[in-house]
Amino acid sequence: MPPRRPPAPPRDALIITAPGLETLARRELAALGVSATAEDPGAVEAPLSLRDMMRANLHLRTASRVVVRLAEFKALTFADVEKHAKRVAWETVVTPGRRVRFRVTCRKSRLYHSGAVAQRLTEALADRVPGVLVAGAVGEDEEDGFGEQLFVVRLFRDRLMLSADTSGALLHRRGYRQATAKAPLRETLAAAMLLGAGWDGRRPLADPLCGSGTIPIEAAMIARRMAPGRARTFAFEQWPGHDAAAWRAVRDEAARAELSSAGVAIGASDRDAGGVAAARENAARAGVADDIGIAQQSLSALRVGTAPGLLVVNPPYGIRVGDKGPLRDLFAQLGNVARAQAPGWRLAMLSADRDLERQVRLPFAEQWKSTNGGIPVRLVTAEVPAHE
């Protein structure tokens, strides 16, 4: 029997999030037994063992990517980049013939041409791993192509940090959302709404403006303890020396932790027939169709049980001036319906406009600020007064 390989030491890693969701990511990491050591806008830093890295990709609901540090060095000149890049163990994360992509940002450094930095790194990579194919540059929030290995390079104050993406497609790509309604909400942001509102899957939930169902689907997955990455693949699975047995054990552990049903009432409704159809299709793909009651109905038709729960909505934002009039009525109706039909519940809302927010006439408290599709948004929550 061959001797077992000793475990690799933990690697410094960045868990990338939408700006404003860092605290939620730290809490999620803590639940996995990982202590984050630093927090920057849009990222949390933590040492990750191989198992930690696998579990982070599989379980984190609010993260966008997990990248691990390959090298860090001072880079005052391109000669510095070339010298240190030749020492990077590129072959640990790239196989010959694979497509690679670099995302380079340069700030407050003598080297400011990101393309020239990427070129030097590419040349060093090609010297150590024959036949690699280099794709074009990728933007801050873009997907990598199928089968491509992304490298994230940050040059800040003349210090270059080179990291390899372990995730592949952004982590909001759970795999279930193929049918979409208008202005779909990313799965990571929907999960952040639920976690930011303090929902743990133990009390009722209703989304009366559900669109394609992302919020109630994420809620059902939380209630059933389903890993968000259970139905997808990750970049690290294509790395040389990938430990398939360890990955299989991590996935099996997650599968054993799943519950057979949500065990709590989760309701979703929308007046738009297309949105309701999309929500049903997406819930079926996610494996939670039996956990969500989905109905086509207007906001005013909302009915919930007597047990206090969470009313959660992502209403239209009304970015254009002409949208404000009808939306004021919608937000006022939301407040009226909440007070009449959900006394004692908590209302959680993604808000992009304080004026519209005020139409609800509830004392909102801000939980976090982020962006959705480039639009600044806030998660606000309020307790709906109970009937006396």
Protein backbone atom coordinates (compact mmCIF):
# COMPACT_ATOMS: atom_id res chain seq x y z
CA MET A 1 0.00 0.00 0.00
CA PRO A 2 1.62 3.30 -1.05
CA PRO A 3 2.33 5.76 1.77
CA ARG A 4 -0.19 8.52 2.23
CA ARG A 5 0.88 12.00 1.15
CA PRO A 6 1.25 14.44 4.04
CA PRO A 7 -1.40 17.17 3.95
CA ALA A 8 -0.35 20.36 2.19
CA PRO A 9 0.04 23.36 4.49
CA PRO A 10 -2.77 25.95 4.44
CA ARG A 11 -2.58 28.59 1.72
CA ASP A 12 -3.45 32.24 2.12
CA ALA A 13 -6.71 32.77 0.31
CA LEU A 14 -9.05 35.59 -0.63
CA ILE A 15 -12.76 34.94 -0.44
CA ILE A 16 -14.17 37.52 -2.84
CA THR A 17 -17.62 38.97 -2.27
CA ALA A 18 -19.77 41.79 -3.53
CA PRO A 19 -18.69 44.92 -1.62
CA GLY A 20 -20.61 45.15 1.64
CA LEU A 21 -21.05 41.42 2.17
CA GLU A 22 -17.66 40.80 3.83
CA THR A 23 -19.06 40.39 7.35
CA LEU A 24 -21.55 37.79 6.16
CA ALA A 25 -18.74 35.86 4.44
CA ARG A 26 -16.70 35.93 7.65
CA ARG A 27 -19.65 34.49 9.56
CA GLU A 28 -20.07 31.75 6.98
CA LEU A 29 -16.37 30.89 7.19
CA ALA A 30 -16.58 30.78 10.99
CA ALA A 31 -19.44 28.26 10.67
CA LEU A 32 -17.05 26.12 8.62
CA GLY A 33 -14.40 26.38 11.31
CA VAL A 34 -12.26 28.90 9.42
CA SER A 35 -11.09 32.10 11.09
CA ALA A 36 -10.66 35.02 8.71
CA THR A 37 -7.59 37.09 9.50
CA ALA A 38 -8.34 40.26 7.53
CA GLU A 39 -11.16 42.00 5.74
CA ASP A 40 -10.95 44.41 2.79
CA PRO A 41 -13.71 45.94 0.65
CA GLY A 42 -15.01 43.07 -1.48
CA ALA A 43 -12.84 40.35 0.08
CA VAL A 44 -12.09 38.37 3.22
CA GLU A 45 -8.64 36.86 3.78
CA ALA A 46 -8.10 33.54 5.52
CA PRO A 47 -5.66 30.59 5.51
CA LEU A 48 -7.32 27.59 3.86
CA SER A 49 -6.25 23.98 3.95
CA LEU A 50 -7.13 21.84 0.92
CA ARG A 51 -10.28 20.63 2.68
CA ASP A 52 -11.18 24.17 3.76
CA MET A 53 -10.84 25.38 0.17
CA MET A 54 -13.11 22.61 -1.10
CA ARG A 55 -15.70 23.25 1.61
CA ALA A 56 -15.60 27.02 1.06
CA ASN A 57 -16.45 26.59 -2.63
CA LEU A 58 -19.16 24.07 -1.87
CA HIS A 59 -20.84 25.80 1.09
CA LEU A 60 -20.39 29.59 0.95
CA ARG A 61 -23.64 31.28 -0.03
CA THR A 62 -22.51 34.92 -0.21
CA ALA A 63 -19.05 34.59 -1.83
CA SER A 64 -18.28 35.14 -5.52
CA ARG A 65 -14.88 33.42 -5.78
CA VAL A 66 -12.24 31.69 -3.70
CA VAL A 67 -8.69 32.41 -4.87
CA VAL A 68 -5.48 31.03 -3.31
CA ARG A 69 -2.15 32.84 -3.18
CA LEU A 70 0.61 31.43 -5.38
CA ALA A 71 3.20 34.16 -4.85
CA GLU A 72 3.76 37.60 -3.40
CA PHE A 73 6.79 39.78 -4.13
CA LYS A 74 8.05 43.31 -4.58
CA ALA A 75 7.88 44.47 -8.21
CA LEU A 76 9.53 47.80 -8.99
CA THR A 77 10.51 46.83 -12.54
CA PHE A 78 9.44 44.34 -15.18
CA ALA A 79 12.71 42.52 -14.50
CA ASP A 80 11.44 41.92 -10.95
CA VAL A 81 8.22 40.47 -12.32
CA GLU A 82 10.10 38.18 -14.72
CA LYS A 83 12.56 36.97 -12.05
CA HIS A 84 9.93 36.06 -9.48
CA ALA A 85 7.39 34.74 -11.98
CA LYS A 86 9.88 32.10 -13.11
CA ARG A 87 9.88 30.68 -9.58
CA VAL A 88 6.09 30.32 -9.33
CA ALA A 89 4.88 26.72 -9.23
CA TRP A 90 2.47 27.24 -12.11
CA GLU A 91 2.39 23.51 -12.81
CA THR A 92 0.45 22.90 -9.57
CA VAL A 93 -2.66 24.58 -10.96
CA VAL A 94 -2.34 24.35 -14.77
CA THR A 95 -2.03 21.34 -17.05
CA PRO A 96 -0.29 21.51 -20.45
CA GLY A 97 -2.62 22.71 -23.20
CA ARG A 98 -5.13 24.36 -20.88
CA ARG A 99 -6.48 27.85 -21.56
CA VAL A 100 -5.55 30.48 -18.98
CA ARG A 101 -6.69 34.03 -18.34
CA PHE A 102 -5.19 36.86 -16.30
CA ARG A 103 -7.01 39.62 -14.46
CA VAL A 104 -4.50 42.31 -13.49
CA THR A 105 -5.05 45.51 -11.51
CA CYS A 106 -2.28 48.04 -10.83
CA ARG A 107 -2.69 50.78 -8.23
CA LYS A 108 -0.21 53.18 -6.64
CA SER A 109 2.72 51.31 -8.22
CA ARG A 110 5.59 52.13 -10.54
CA LEU A 111 4.33 49.47 -12.90
CA TYR A 112 0.93 50.64 -14.07
CA HIS A 113 0.44 48.88 -17.44
CA SER A 114 -1.65 45.83 -16.57
CA GLY A 115 -1.25 44.30 -20.04
CA ALA A 116 2.55 44.43 -19.83
CA VAL A 117 2.47 42.81 -16.39
CA ALA A 118 0.20 40.04 -17.72
CA GLN A 119 2.55 39.48 -20.66
CA ARG A 120 5.55 38.86 -18.35
CA LEU A 121 3.55 36.46 -16.22
CA THR A 122 2.28 34.65 -19.30
CA GLU A 123 5.81 34.15 -20.61
CA ALA A 124 6.96 32.70 -17.29
CA LEU A 125 3.95 30.39 -17.18
CA ALA A 126 4.58 29.17 -20.74
CA ASP A 127 8.19 28.35 -19.88
CA ARG A 128 7.12 26.01 -17.06
CA VAL A 129 3.89 24.59 -18.54
CA PRO A 130 4.13 23.87 -22.27
CA GLY A 131 1.25 24.50 -24.63
CA VAL A 132 -0.88 26.77 -22.45
CA LEU A 133 -3.31 28.95 -24.39
CA VAL A 134 -3.78 32.51 -23.20
CA ALA A 135 -7.24 34.05 -23.45
CA GLY A 136 -7.93 37.78 -23.41
CA ALA A 137 -8.05 39.90 -20.28
CA VAL A 138 -11.06 39.50 -18.02
CA GLY A 139 -12.84 42.27 -16.18
CA GLU A 140 -13.45 42.52 -12.45
CA ASP A 141 -16.86 40.87 -12.49
CA GLU A 142 -16.77 38.69 -15.61
CA GLU A 143 -16.95 34.94 -15.92
CA ASP A 144 -14.04 32.86 -17.05
CA GLY A 145 -14.63 30.77 -20.13
CA PHE A 146 -15.33 27.06 -20.00
CA GLY A 147 -12.23 25.19 -18.89
CA GLU A 148 -10.10 28.31 -18.41
CA GLN A 149 -7.90 28.84 -15.38
CA LEU A 150 -8.15 32.39 -14.08
CA PHE A 151 -5.23 34.11 -12.34
CA VAL A 152 -5.97 37.18 -10.26
CA VAL A 153 -3.06 39.62 -10.04
CA ARG A 154 -3.05 42.65 -7.77
CA LEU A 155 -0.16 45.12 -7.89
CA PHE A 156 -0.54 47.60 -5.04
CA ARG A 157 2.16 49.92 -3.71
CA ASP A 158 4.79 48.03 -5.75
CA ARG A 159 3.84 44.66 -4.21
CA LEU A 160 2.53 41.99 -6.58
CA MET A 161 0.13 39.34 -5.31
CA LEU A 162 -0.57 36.44 -7.67
CA SER A 163 -3.50 34.14 -6.93
CA ALA A 164 -5.17 31.23 -8.70
CA ASP A 165 -8.96 31.04 -8.87
CA THR A 166 -10.27 27.80 -7.39
CA SER A 167 -13.93 28.36 -8.27
CA GLY A 168 -14.26 28.64 -12.04
CA ALA A 169 -17.64 30.17 -12.85
CA LEU A 170 -18.69 32.73 -10.25
CA LEU A 171 -20.17 31.05 -7.19
CA HIS A 172 -23.63 32.52 -7.70
CA ARG A 173 -23.88 30.07 -10.60
CA ARG A 174 -25.59 27.36 -8.54
CA GLY A 175 -26.90 25.63 -11.65
CA TYR A 176 -30.63 25.86 -11.00
CA ARG A 177 -31.50 29.25 -12.48
CA GLN A 178 -31.97 28.78 -16.19
CA ALA A 179 -35.39 30.42 -16.41
CA THR A 180 -35.35 34.11 -15.46
CA ALA A 181 -37.87 36.88 -15.09
CA LYS A 182 -37.12 40.60 -15.44
CA ALA A 183 -34.05 41.94 -13.59
CA PRO A 184 -33.06 38.66 -11.91
CA LEU A 185 -31.36 38.85 -8.51
CA ARG A 186 -28.05 37.04 -8.12
CA GLU A 187 -28.22 34.01 -5.89
CA THR A 188 -25.42 35.31 -3.66
CA LEU A 189 -27.30 38.57 -3.06
CA ALA A 190 -30.53 36.71 -2.33
CA ALA A 191 -28.71 34.58 0.24
CA ALA A 192 -27.16 37.74 1.71
CA MET A 193 -30.64 39.21 2.14
CA LEU A 194 -31.76 36.16 4.09
CA LEU A 195 -28.65 35.90 6.24
CA GLY A 196 -28.53 39.67 6.77
CA ALA A 197 -32.14 39.58 7.98
CA GLY A 198 -31.25 36.90 10.50
CA TRP A 199 -33.24 34.12 8.84
CA ASP A 200 -32.01 30.65 9.83
CA GLY A 201 -34.65 28.43 8.21
CA ARG A 202 -36.67 27.87 11.38
CA ARG A 203 -39.59 30.24 10.90
CA PRO A 204 -42.03 30.90 8.04
CA LEU A 205 -40.98 33.00 5.06
CA ALA A 206 -42.93 34.69 2.27
CA ASP A 207 -41.82 36.58 -0.85
CA PRO A 208 -44.86 38.25 -2.49
CA LEU A 209 -42.76 39.76 -5.31
CA CYS A 210 -40.78 36.62 -6.09
CA GLY A 211 -39.95 37.08 -9.78
CA SER A 212 -38.06 33.96 -10.91
CA GLY A 213 -37.96 32.66 -7.34
CA THR A 214 -34.34 33.18 -6.34
CA ILE A 215 -35.03 34.34 -2.76
CA PRO A 216 -37.45 31.53 -1.78
CA ILE A 217 -35.23 28.94 -3.50
CA GLU A 218 -32.19 30.12 -1.54
CA ALA A 219 -34.36 30.08 1.59
CA ALA A 220 -35.42 26.49 0.97
CA MET A 221 -31.80 25.47 0.44
CA ILE A 222 -30.83 27.10 3.74
CA ALA A 223 -33.71 25.39 5.56
CA ARG A 224 -32.73 22.02 4.14
CA ARG A 225 -29.00 22.61 4.75
CA MET A 226 -28.27 22.07 1.08
CA ALA A 227 -24.81 23.18 -0.03
CA PRO A 228 -25.24 25.87 -2.71
CA GLY A 229 -22.51 24.33 -4.86
CA ARG A 230 -23.89 20.81 -4.74
CA ALA A 231 -24.87 20.70 -8.45
CA ARG A 232 -21.84 22.34 -10.09
CA THR A 233 -18.15 21.85 -10.76
CA PHE A 234 -15.15 23.97 -9.77
CA ALA A 235 -11.84 25.01 -11.29
CA PHE A 236 -9.74 23.11 -8.74
CA GLU A 237 -11.17 19.83 -10.02
CA GLN A 238 -9.02 20.31 -13.14
CA TRP A 239 -5.79 21.03 -11.28
CA PRO A 240 -2.90 18.58 -11.62
CA GLY A 241 -2.82 16.21 -8.66
CA HIS A 242 -6.44 16.97 -7.73
CA ASP A 243 -7.33 14.83 -4.70
CA ALA A 244 -10.53 13.26 -6.00
CA ALA A 245 -10.93 11.10 -2.89
CA ALA A 246 -10.80 14.10 -0.56
CA TRP A 247 -13.28 15.99 -2.74
CA ARG A 248 -15.63 13.01 -2.81
CA ALA A 249 -15.49 12.84 1.01
CA VAL A 250 -16.34 16.55 1.29
CA ARG A 251 -19.30 16.19 -1.06
CA ASP A 252 -20.53 13.05 0.72
CA GLU A 253 -20.34 14.83 4.06
CA ALA A 254 -22.46 17.68 2.68
CA ALA A 255 -25.01 15.25 1.22
CA ARG A 256 -25.41 13.48 4.57
CA ALA A 257 -26.12 16.80 6.28
CA GLU A 258 -29.07 17.62 4.00
CA LEU A 259 -32.61 17.43 5.38
CA SER A 260 -35.37 15.73 3.41
CA SER A 261 -37.69 18.74 3.66
CA ALA A 262 -37.62 22.37 4.76
CA GLY A 263 -39.90 21.74 7.71
CA VAL A 264 -41.16 25.33 7.58
CA ALA A 265 -43.67 27.17 5.39
CA ILE A 266 -42.00 29.03 2.50
CA GLY A 267 -44.31 30.98 0.20
CA ALA A 268 -43.58 32.68 -3.12
CA SER A 269 -45.96 34.66 -5.30
CA ASP A 270 -45.98 37.18 -8.12
CA ARG A 271 -48.63 38.73 -10.34
CA ASP A 272 -46.54 38.00 -13.46
CA ALA A 273 -47.31 34.59 -15.00
CA GLY A 274 -43.88 34.38 -16.63
CA GLY A 275 -42.12 34.97 -13.34
CA VAL A 276 -44.21 32.33 -11.59
CA ALA A 277 -43.49 29.79 -14.33
CA ALA A 278 -39.77 30.55 -14.10
CA ALA A 279 -39.87 30.21 -10.32
CA ARG A 280 -41.46 26.78 -10.57
CA GLU A 281 -38.93 25.58 -13.14
CA ASN A 282 -35.99 26.88 -11.12
CA ALA A 283 -37.30 25.39 -7.87
CA ALA A 284 -37.65 22.01 -9.57
CA ARG A 285 -34.06 22.17 -10.86
CA ALA A 286 -32.83 23.13 -7.38
CA GLY A 287 -34.63 20.12 -5.89
CA VAL A 288 -36.85 22.23 -3.62
CA ALA A 289 -40.13 22.37 -5.57
CA ASP A 290 -41.98 20.54 -2.77
CA ASP A 291 -40.68 22.99 -0.16
CA ILE A 292 -42.12 26.17 -1.70
CA GLY A 293 -45.73 27.11 -2.22
CA ILE A 294 -45.68 29.13 -5.47
CA ALA A 295 -48.75 31.07 -6.61
CA GLN A 296 -49.68 33.66 -9.21
CA GLN A 297 -51.38 36.48 -7.34
CA SER A 298 -51.17 40.18 -6.60
CA LEU A 299 -49.42 41.65 -3.59
CA SER A 300 -52.78 42.52 -2.01
CA ALA A 301 -53.75 38.83 -2.05
CA LEU A 302 -50.92 37.90 0.34
CA ARG A 303 -51.97 35.69 3.24
CA VAL A 304 -49.57 34.25 5.81
CA GLY A 305 -49.93 32.14 8.93
CA THR A 306 -50.10 33.44 12.48
CA ALA A 307 -46.60 32.27 13.50
CA PRO A 308 -44.16 35.21 13.16
CA GLY A 309 -41.88 34.92 10.17
CA LEU A 310 -39.90 36.86 7.57
CA LEU A 311 -41.50 38.83 4.75
CA VAL A 312 -38.71 39.42 2.23
CA VAL A 313 -38.91 41.37 -1.04
CA ASN A 314 -36.75 42.70 -3.85
CA PRO A 315 -39.12 45.33 -5.32
CA PRO A 316 -38.52 47.32 -8.54
CA TYR A 317 -36.00 50.12 -8.04
CA GLY A 318 -37.47 52.87 -10.19
CA ILE A 319 -34.12 54.22 -11.41
CA ARG A 320 -35.76 56.25 -14.18
CA VAL A 321 -37.64 59.35 -13.04
CA GLY A 322 -40.84 58.31 -14.82
CA ASP A 323 -41.03 55.08 -12.79
CA LYS A 324 -41.40 56.79 -9.42
CA GLY A 325 -45.14 57.52 -9.44
CA PRO A 326 -46.47 53.96 -9.83
CA LEU A 327 -43.73 52.62 -7.56
CA ARG A 328 -44.70 54.93 -4.72
CA ASP A 329 -48.11 53.27 -4.79
CA LEU A 330 -46.49 49.80 -4.82
CA PHE A 331 -44.28 50.56 -1.83
CA ALA A 332 -47.20 52.10 0.08
CA GLN A 333 -49.25 49.00 -0.67
CA LEU A 334 -46.39 46.79 0.57
CA GLY A 335 -46.51 48.58 3.92
CA ASN A 336 -50.29 48.36 4.12
CA VAL A 337 -50.31 44.65 3.30
CA ALA A 338 -47.53 43.93 5.80
CA ARG A 339 -49.37 45.70 8.61
CA ALA A 340 -52.70 44.08 7.76
CA GLN A 341 -51.60 40.55 6.92
CA ALA A 342 -48.23 39.99 8.63
CA PRO A 343 -48.38 41.61 12.10
CA GLY A 344 -45.45 40.57 14.27
CA TRP A 345 -43.40 39.57 11.23
CA ARG A 346 -40.11 41.09 10.13
CA LEU A 347 -39.96 42.80 6.73
CA ALA A 348 -36.65 42.65 4.84
CA MET A 349 -36.33 44.68 1.65
CA LEU A 350 -33.62 45.45 -0.89
CA SER A 351 -33.85 49.20 -1.37
CA ALA A 352 -32.27 51.47 -3.96
CA ASP A 353 -34.29 54.60 -3.17
CA ARG A 354 -34.87 56.11 0.27
CA ASP A 355 -37.89 58.07 -0.96
CA LEU A 356 -39.62 54.88 -2.10
CA GLU A 357 -38.51 53.17 1.10
CA ARG A 358 -40.29 55.85 3.16
CA GLN A 359 -43.59 55.02 1.41
CA VAL A 360 -43.70 51.73 3.34
CA ARG A 361 -44.02 53.70 6.60
CA LEU A 362 -42.10 51.27 8.78
CA PRO A 363 -38.99 52.07 10.91
CA PHE A 364 -36.30 50.46 8.75
CA ALA A 365 -32.77 49.72 9.96
CA GLU A 366 -29.91 49.22 7.49
CA GLN A 367 -28.20 45.81 7.61
CA TRP A 368 -25.73 46.14 4.73
CA LYS A 369 -24.97 48.16 1.61
CA SER A 370 -23.86 46.69 -1.72
CA THR A 371 -24.66 46.88 -5.43
CA ASN A 372 -26.99 44.94 -7.69
CA GLY A 373 -26.30 45.21 -11.40
CA GLY A 374 -24.21 48.30 -10.73
CA ILE A 375 -27.02 49.97 -8.75
CA PRO A 376 -26.27 50.88 -5.10
CA VAL A 377 -28.66 48.97 -2.84
CA ARG A 378 -29.27 48.56 0.89
CA LEU A 379 -30.79 45.71 2.82
CA VAL A 380 -33.20 47.24 5.29
CA THR A 381 -35.33 45.47 7.88
CA ALA A 382 -38.23 46.51 10.08
CA GLU A 383 -40.46 44.83 12.62
CA VAL A 384 -44.12 44.93 11.57
CA PRO A 385 -46.21 46.00 14.59
CA ALA A 386 -48.28 43.23 16.12
CA HIS A 387 -52.04 43.73 16.45
CA GLU A 388 -53.09 44.62 19.95
